[in-house]
Amino acid sequence: MTVKTVPTTPFADQKPGTSGLRKKVPVFQEPRYVENFIQAIFDTLPERDGATLVIGGDGRFLNREVVQTALKIAAANGFGRALVGQGGLLSTPAASCVIRKHGAIGGIVLSASHNPGGPEGDFGIKFNTANGGPAPESVTAASASVMREETQYVRARTLAACLIAVLTMTVVVTAHRLYLTARKRGAPEQPPRSGSPRHGASVRDVARRR
């Protein structure tokens, strides 16, 4: 896997609370805005190497794009696995359940609650911790401190847009490639053995088939 380091500068308005960061969609569409915020969250998780991360949101405008961005940054930051909701959709209660059930380090939840959505509406990103609940003030304060001094973020150079319509997706990050396994909802989870193409199609292969 090839990792790209991207220079950046802080955004003064990135001040998350327990409900994360909520802004208008055009603000999140500014170059590096999403990347800075997610990188700062990951920078406060020293135990992230090889860990499981949950990613998903309520489906509002920009949801899919931010899911893809989060996956690329998670891969570059050493996470071992990302559990993504069907089509990128995962309600906040569902994300909390998946985090606890799979022993994830936490989850990137994309939601602005009852706030209106749409191209000119609201969007939000928050981090739920390993207990499934919103990040406490100590965690959000730590990430806010990092945001004020952010100078770079890292991301995987390639990650196909492969949110599968009917299946739940598991992205398995190995030292060399990204592998993807798909299973029907309710079926036992059987992730591929690390680094073995025979036990999981690569993301590029799956995208080619589709």
C-alpha atoms as a PDB file:
ATOM      1  CA  MET A   1       0.000   0.000   0.000  1.00  0.00           C
ATOM      2  CA  THR A   2       1.362   3.401  -1.001  1.00  0.00           C
ATOM      3  CA  VAL A   3       0.858   6.195   1.515  1.00  0.00           C
ATOM      4  CA  LYS A   4       0.859   9.854   0.538  1.00  0.00           C
ATOM      5  CA  THR A   5       1.778  12.586   3.039  1.00  0.00           C
ATOM      6  CA  VAL A   6      -0.063  15.840   2.353  1.00  0.00           C
ATOM      7  CA  PRO A   7       1.062  19.176   3.869  1.00  0.00           C
ATOM      8  CA  THR A   8      -1.750  21.171   5.439  1.00  0.00           C
ATOM      9  CA  THR A   9      -2.520  24.096   7.717  1.00  0.00           C
ATOM     10  CA  PRO A  10      -4.974  24.299  10.652  1.00  0.00           C
ATOM     11  CA  PHE A  11      -8.556  25.556  10.414  1.00  0.00           C
ATOM     12  CA  ALA A  12      -9.346  27.953  13.246  1.00  0.00           C
ATOM     13  CA  ASP A  13     -13.031  26.976  13.336  1.00  0.00           C
ATOM     14  CA  GLN A  14     -12.449  23.259  14.001  1.00  0.00           C
ATOM     15  CA  LYS A  15     -13.519  23.081  17.642  1.00  0.00           C
ATOM     16  CA  PRO A  16     -15.287  19.771  18.324  1.00  0.00           C
ATOM     17  CA  GLY A  17     -17.626  19.141  21.231  1.00  0.00           C
ATOM     18  CA  THR A  18     -19.136  15.888  22.519  1.00  0.00           C
ATOM     19  CA  SER A  19     -21.368  15.911  19.435  1.00  0.00           C
ATOM     20  CA  GLY A  20     -18.319  16.271  17.223  1.00  0.00           C
ATOM     21  CA  LEU A  21     -17.980  18.975  14.596  1.00  0.00           C
ATOM     22  CA  ARG A  22     -21.042  20.373  12.837  1.00  0.00           C
ATOM     23  CA  LYS A  23     -20.855  22.831   9.990  1.00  0.00           C
ATOM     24  CA  LYS A  24     -22.599  23.597   6.729  1.00  0.00           C
ATOM     25  CA  VAL A  25     -21.838  21.211   3.867  1.00  0.00           C
ATOM     26  CA  PRO A  26     -19.883  23.827   1.855  1.00  0.00           C
ATOM     27  CA  VAL A  27     -17.496  24.206   4.820  1.00  0.00           C
ATOM     28  CA  PHE A  28     -16.762  20.467   4.862  1.00  0.00           C
ATOM     29  CA  GLN A  29     -16.223  20.632   1.105  1.00  0.00           C
ATOM     30  CA  GLU A  30     -13.288  23.024   1.511  1.00  0.00           C
ATOM     31  CA  PRO A  31      -9.986  21.389   0.511  1.00  0.00           C
ATOM     32  CA  ARG A  32      -8.313  19.497   3.405  1.00  0.00           C
ATOM     33  CA  TYR A  33     -11.132  20.330   5.850  1.00  0.00           C
ATOM     34  CA  VAL A  34     -12.371  16.774   6.344  1.00  0.00           C
ATOM     35  CA  GLU A  35      -8.865  15.320   6.128  1.00  0.00           C
ATOM     36  CA  ASN A  36      -7.519  17.638   8.847  1.00  0.00           C
ATOM     37  CA  PHE A  37     -10.318  16.802  11.236  1.00  0.00           C
ATOM     38  CA  ILE A  38     -10.122  13.030  10.801  1.00  0.00           C
ATOM     39  CA  GLN A  39      -6.325  12.995  10.991  1.00  0.00           C
ATOM     40  CA  ALA A  40      -6.456  14.927  14.263  1.00  0.00           C
ATOM     41  CA  ILE A  41      -8.824  12.328  15.725  1.00  0.00           C
ATOM     42  CA  PHE A  42      -6.517   9.497  14.713  1.00  0.00           C
ATOM     43  CA  ASP A  43      -3.489  11.332  16.105  1.00  0.00           C
ATOM     44  CA  THR A  44      -5.045  11.051  19.579  1.00  0.00           C
ATOM     45  CA  LEU A  45      -5.318   7.248  19.283  1.00  0.00           C
ATOM     46  CA  PRO A  46      -1.788   5.880  19.847  1.00  0.00           C
ATOM     47  CA  GLU A  47      -3.131   2.326  20.048  1.00  0.00           C
ATOM     48  CA  ARG A  48      -4.695   2.478  16.561  1.00  0.00           C
ATOM     49  CA  ASP A  49      -2.106   0.249  14.866  1.00  0.00           C
ATOM     50  CA  GLY A  50      -3.904  -2.936  13.796  1.00  0.00           C
ATOM     51  CA  ALA A  51      -7.155  -1.856  15.489  1.00  0.00           C
ATOM     52  CA  THR A  52     -10.707  -2.110  14.154  1.00  0.00           C
ATOM     53  CA  LEU A  53     -12.529   1.092  13.201  1.00  0.00           C
ATOM     54  CA  VAL A  54     -16.247   1.538  12.469  1.00  0.00           C
ATOM     55  CA  ILE A  55     -17.276   4.069   9.801  1.00  0.00           C
ATOM     56  CA  GLY A  56     -20.743   5.141   8.681  1.00  0.00           C
ATOM     57  CA  GLY A  57     -23.342   7.861   8.753  1.00  0.00           C
ATOM     58  CA  ASP A  58     -26.988   8.819   8.433  1.00  0.00           C
ATOM     59  CA  GLY A  59     -26.883   9.162   4.652  1.00  0.00           C
ATOM     60  CA  ARG A  60     -27.100  12.905   4.355  1.00  0.00           C
ATOM     61  CA  PHE A  61     -25.441  14.798   1.514  1.00  0.00           C
ATOM     62  CA  LEU A  62     -21.637  14.183   1.396  1.00  0.00           C
ATOM     63  CA  ASN A  63     -21.865  10.936   3.394  1.00  0.00           C
ATOM     64  CA  ARG A  64     -20.315   8.640   0.777  1.00  0.00           C
ATOM     65  CA  GLU A  65     -17.475  10.973  -0.089  1.00  0.00           C
ATOM     66  CA  VAL A  66     -16.454  11.371   3.553  1.00  0.00           C
ATOM     67  CA  VAL A  67     -16.674   7.607   4.136  1.00  0.00           C
ATOM     68  CA  GLN A  68     -14.179   7.099   1.311  1.00  0.00           C
ATOM     69  CA  THR A  69     -11.886   9.805   2.668  1.00  0.00           C
ATOM     70  CA  ALA A  70     -12.026   8.296   6.157  1.00  0.00           C
ATOM     71  CA  LEU A  71     -11.145   4.860   4.770  1.00  0.00           C
ATOM     72  CA  LYS A  72      -8.081   6.173   2.958  1.00  0.00           C
ATOM     73  CA  ILE A  73      -6.830   8.030   6.014  1.00  0.00           C
ATOM     74  CA  ALA A  74      -7.553   5.066   8.301  1.00  0.00           C
ATOM     75  CA  ALA A  75      -5.591   2.750   6.009  1.00  0.00           C
ATOM     76  CA  ALA A  76      -2.614   5.097   5.985  1.00  0.00           C
ATOM     77  CA  ASN A  77      -2.723   5.449   9.772  1.00  0.00           C
ATOM     78  CA  GLY A  78      -2.292   1.740  10.415  1.00  0.00           C
ATOM     79  CA  PHE A  79      -5.792   0.556  11.291  1.00  0.00           C
ATOM     80  CA  GLY A  80      -6.107  -3.170  10.696  1.00  0.00           C
ATOM     81  CA  ARG A  81      -9.783  -3.276   9.727  1.00  0.00           C
ATOM     82  CA  ALA A  82     -12.662  -0.929   8.968  1.00  0.00           C
ATOM     83  CA  LEU A  83     -16.289  -1.996   9.367  1.00  0.00           C
ATOM     84  CA  VAL A  84     -18.462   0.082   7.044  1.00  0.00           C
ATOM     85  CA  GLY A  85     -22.244   0.226   6.974  1.00  0.00           C
ATOM     86  CA  GLN A  86     -24.160  -0.904   3.906  1.00  0.00           C
ATOM     87  CA  GLY A  87     -23.746   1.844   1.315  1.00  0.00           C
ATOM     88  CA  GLY A  88     -21.973   3.891   3.975  1.00  0.00           C
ATOM     89  CA  LEU A  89     -25.167   4.019   6.067  1.00  0.00           C
ATOM     90  CA  LEU A  90     -24.950   3.467   9.806  1.00  0.00           C
ATOM     91  CA  SER A  91     -27.137   5.256  12.334  1.00  0.00           C
ATOM     92  CA  THR A  92     -25.535   6.488  15.545  1.00  0.00           C
ATOM     93  CA  PRO A  93     -27.169   3.752  17.700  1.00  0.00           C
ATOM     94  CA  ALA A  94     -26.142   1.114  15.139  1.00  0.00           C
ATOM     95  CA  ALA A  95     -22.566   2.410  15.104  1.00  0.00           C
ATOM     96  CA  SER A  96     -22.439   2.191  18.903  1.00  0.00           C
ATOM     97  CA  CYS A  97     -23.664  -1.410  18.758  1.00  0.00           C
ATOM     98  CA  VAL A  98     -21.129  -2.430  16.076  1.00  0.00           C
ATOM     99  CA  ILE A  99     -18.272  -0.799  17.989  1.00  0.00           C
ATOM    100  CA  ARG A 100     -19.041  -2.782  21.137  1.00  0.00           C
ATOM    101  CA  LYS A 101     -19.889  -6.039  19.390  1.00  0.00           C
ATOM    102  CA  HIS A 102     -16.652  -6.149  17.373  1.00  0.00           C
ATOM    103  CA  GLY A 103     -14.322  -4.695  19.990  1.00  0.00           C
ATOM    104  CA  ALA A 104     -13.499  -1.688  17.818  1.00  0.00           C
ATOM    105  CA  ILE A 105     -11.277   1.113  19.043  1.00  0.00           C
ATOM    106  CA  GLY A 106     -14.118   3.455  18.129  1.00  0.00           C
ATOM    107  CA  GLY A 107     -16.011   4.828  15.173  1.00  0.00           C
ATOM    108  CA  ILE A 108     -16.220   7.769  12.815  1.00  0.00           C
ATOM    109  CA  VAL A 109     -19.916   8.680  12.802  1.00  0.00           C
ATOM    110  CA  LEU A 110     -21.213  11.066  10.143  1.00  0.00           C
ATOM    111  CA  SER A 111     -24.334  12.800  11.378  1.00  0.00           C
ATOM    112  CA  ALA A 112     -25.776  16.189  12.264  1.00  0.00           C
ATOM    113  CA  SER A 113     -28.737  14.708  14.159  1.00  0.00           C
ATOM    114  CA  HIS A 114     -32.008  16.511  13.434  1.00  0.00           C
ATOM    115  CA  ASN A 115     -30.344  19.396  11.609  1.00  0.00           C
ATOM    116  CA  PRO A 116     -31.449  19.790   7.968  1.00  0.00           C
ATOM    117  CA  GLY A 117     -29.311  18.129   5.308  1.00  0.00           C
ATOM    118  CA  GLY A 118     -28.741  18.728   1.607  1.00  0.00           C
ATOM    119  CA  PRO A 119     -26.070  20.549  -0.409  1.00  0.00           C
ATOM    120  CA  GLU A 120     -26.540  23.731   1.635  1.00  0.00           C
ATOM    121  CA  GLY A 121     -27.556  21.978   4.834  1.00  0.00           C
ATOM    122  CA  ASP A 122     -25.623  20.656   7.805  1.00  0.00           C
ATOM    123  CA  PHE A 123     -23.052  17.900   8.091  1.00  0.00           C
ATOM    124  CA  GLY A 124     -21.249  16.489  11.082  1.00  0.00           C
ATOM    125  CA  ILE A 125     -18.372  14.216  12.034  1.00  0.00           C
ATOM    126  CA  LYS A 126     -17.887  12.788  15.495  1.00  0.00           C
ATOM    127  CA  PHE A 127     -15.836  10.083  17.127  1.00  0.00           C
ATOM    128  CA  ASN A 128     -17.437   7.450  19.338  1.00  0.00           C
ATOM    129  CA  THR A 129     -15.066   5.636  21.669  1.00  0.00           C
ATOM    130  CA  ALA A 130     -14.653   1.917  22.392  1.00  0.00           C
ATOM    131  CA  ASN A 131     -17.656   1.887  24.738  1.00  0.00           C
ATOM    132  CA  GLY A 132     -19.858   3.030  21.844  1.00  0.00           C
ATOM    133  CA  GLY A 133     -20.577   6.408  23.371  1.00  0.00           C
ATOM    134  CA  PRO A 134     -19.559   9.910  22.271  1.00  0.00           C
ATOM    135  CA  ALA A 135     -15.985  10.916  22.961  1.00  0.00           C
ATOM    136  CA  PRO A 136     -15.658  12.538  26.410  1.00  0.00           C
ATOM    137  CA  GLU A 137     -14.388  16.072  26.819  1.00  0.00           C
ATOM    138  CA  SER A 138     -10.847  14.860  27.523  1.00  0.00           C
ATOM    139  CA  VAL A 139     -10.717  13.185  24.101  1.00  0.00           C
ATOM    140  CA  THR A 140     -12.288  16.058  22.164  1.00  0.00           C
ATOM    141  CA  ALA A 141      -9.973  18.522  23.936  1.00  0.00           C
ATOM    142  CA  ALA A 142      -6.951  16.437  22.931  1.00  0.00           C
ATOM    143  CA  SER A 143      -8.030  16.291  19.288  1.00  0.00           C
ATOM    144  CA  ALA A 144      -8.798  20.030  19.303  1.00  0.00           C
ATOM    145  CA  SER A 145      -5.270  20.670  20.531  1.00  0.00           C
ATOM    146  CA  VAL A 146      -3.871  18.622  17.645  1.00  0.00           C
ATOM    147  CA  MET A 147      -6.101  20.435  15.146  1.00  0.00           C
ATOM    148  CA  ARG A 148      -4.627  23.789  16.138  1.00  0.00           C
ATOM    149  CA  GLU A 149      -1.155  22.567  15.143  1.00  0.00           C
ATOM    150  CA  GLU A 150      -1.913  20.167  12.285  1.00  0.00           C
ATOM    151  CA  THR A 151       0.756  20.379   9.580  1.00  0.00           C
ATOM    152  CA  GLN A 152       0.098  17.201   7.579  1.00  0.00           C
ATOM    153  CA  TYR A 153      -2.183  14.234   7.083  1.00  0.00           C
ATOM    154  CA  VAL A 154      -1.605  10.861   5.468  1.00  0.00           C
ATOM    155  CA  ARG A 155      -3.818   8.839   3.160  1.00  0.00           C
ATOM    156  CA  ALA A 156      -3.669   5.739   1.021  1.00  0.00           C
ATOM    157  CA  ARG A 157      -3.128   6.763  -2.594  1.00  0.00           C
ATOM    158  CA  THR A 158      -5.731   4.363  -3.990  1.00  0.00           C
ATOM    159  CA  LEU A 159      -8.887   2.923  -2.548  1.00  0.00           C
ATOM    160  CA  ALA A 160     -11.656   2.073  -5.012  1.00  0.00           C
ATOM    161  CA  ALA A 161     -15.124   3.448  -4.353  1.00  0.00           C
ATOM    162  CA  CYS A 162     -16.573   0.065  -3.470  1.00  0.00           C
ATOM    163  CA  LEU A 163     -19.474   0.650  -1.102  1.00  0.00           C
ATOM    164  CA  ILE A 164     -21.521  -2.437  -1.909  1.00  0.00           C
ATOM    165  CA  ALA A 165     -25.255  -2.019  -2.321  1.00  0.00           C
ATOM    166  CA  VAL A 166     -26.509  -5.228  -0.690  1.00  0.00           C
ATOM    167  CA  LEU A 167     -23.640  -6.472   1.431  1.00  0.00           C
ATOM    168  CA  THR A 168     -21.763  -5.404   4.498  1.00  0.00           C
ATOM    169  CA  MET A 169     -18.165  -4.552   3.673  1.00  0.00           C
ATOM    170  CA  THR A 170     -15.033  -5.263   5.661  1.00  0.00           C
ATOM    171  CA  VAL A 171     -11.820  -3.641   4.516  1.00  0.00           C
ATOM    172  CA  VAL A 172      -8.765  -5.551   5.708  1.00  0.00           C
ATOM    173  CA  VAL A 173      -5.552  -3.574   5.622  1.00  0.00           C
ATOM    174  CA  THR A 174      -2.344  -5.556   5.177  1.00  0.00           C
ATOM    175  CA  ALA A 175       1.232  -4.417   4.799  1.00  0.00           C
ATOM    176  CA  HIS A 176       0.992  -4.712   1.025  1.00  0.00           C
ATOM    177  CA  ARG A 177      -2.598  -4.537  -0.174  1.00  0.00           C
ATOM    178  CA  LEU A 178      -6.136  -3.708   0.832  1.00  0.00           C
ATOM    179  CA  TYR A 179      -8.458  -6.694   0.828  1.00  0.00           C
ATOM    180  CA  LEU A 180     -12.213  -6.693   0.929  1.00  0.00           C
ATOM    181  CA  THR A 181     -14.642  -9.356   2.052  1.00  0.00           C
ATOM    182  CA  ALA A 182     -18.389  -9.147   1.637  1.00  0.00           C
ATOM    183  CA  ARG A 183     -21.039 -11.089   3.506  1.00  0.00           C
ATOM    184  CA  LYS A 184     -24.800 -11.014   3.700  1.00  0.00           C
ATOM    185  CA  ARG A 185     -26.209  -9.406   6.769  1.00  0.00           C
ATOM    186  CA  GLY A 186     -26.505 -11.898   9.594  1.00  0.00           C
ATOM    187  CA  ALA A 187     -23.939 -14.281   8.113  1.00  0.00           C
ATOM    188  CA  PRO A 188     -20.859 -15.192  10.193  1.00  0.00           C
ATOM    189  CA  GLU A 189     -17.945 -12.874   9.669  1.00  0.00           C
ATOM    190  CA  GLN A 190     -14.934 -14.531   8.035  1.00  0.00           C
ATOM    191  CA  PRO A 191     -12.250 -11.960   7.233  1.00  0.00           C
ATOM    192  CA  PRO A 192      -9.445 -13.079   4.915  1.00  0.00           C
ATOM    193  CA  ARG A 193      -6.076 -14.093   6.289  1.00  0.00           C
ATOM    194  CA  SER A 194      -3.717 -11.133   6.209  1.00  0.00           C
ATOM    195  CA  GLY A 195      -1.895 -10.784   2.909  1.00  0.00           C
ATOM    196  CA  SER A 196      -3.556 -13.768   1.227  1.00  0.00           C
ATOM    197  CA  PRO A 197      -5.282 -13.013  -2.099  1.00  0.00           C
ATOM    198  CA  ARG A 198      -6.840 -16.475  -2.044  1.00  0.00           C
ATOM    199  CA  HIS A 199      -8.960 -15.529   0.958  1.00  0.00           C
ATOM    200  CA  GLY A 200     -10.191 -12.111  -0.161  1.00  0.00           C
ATOM    201  CA  ALA A 201     -10.473 -10.179  -3.393  1.00  0.00           C
ATOM    202  CA  SER A 202      -8.465  -6.998  -3.573  1.00  0.00           C
ATOM    203  CA  VAL A 203     -10.411  -3.749  -3.619  1.00  0.00           C
ATOM    204  CA  ARG A 204      -9.180  -3.133  -7.162  1.00  0.00           C
ATOM    205  CA  ASP A 205     -10.373  -6.573  -8.297  1.00  0.00           C
ATOM    206  CA  VAL A 206     -13.838  -6.075  -6.811  1.00  0.00           C
ATOM    207  CA  ALA A 207     -14.183  -2.667  -8.419  1.00  0.00           C
ATOM    208  CA  ARG A 208     -13.170  -4.156 -11.783  1.00  0.00           C
ATOM    209  CA  ARG A 209     -15.850  -6.856 -11.540  1.00  0.00           C
ATOM    210  CA  ARG A 210     -18.518  -4.291 -10.882  1.00  0.00           C
END
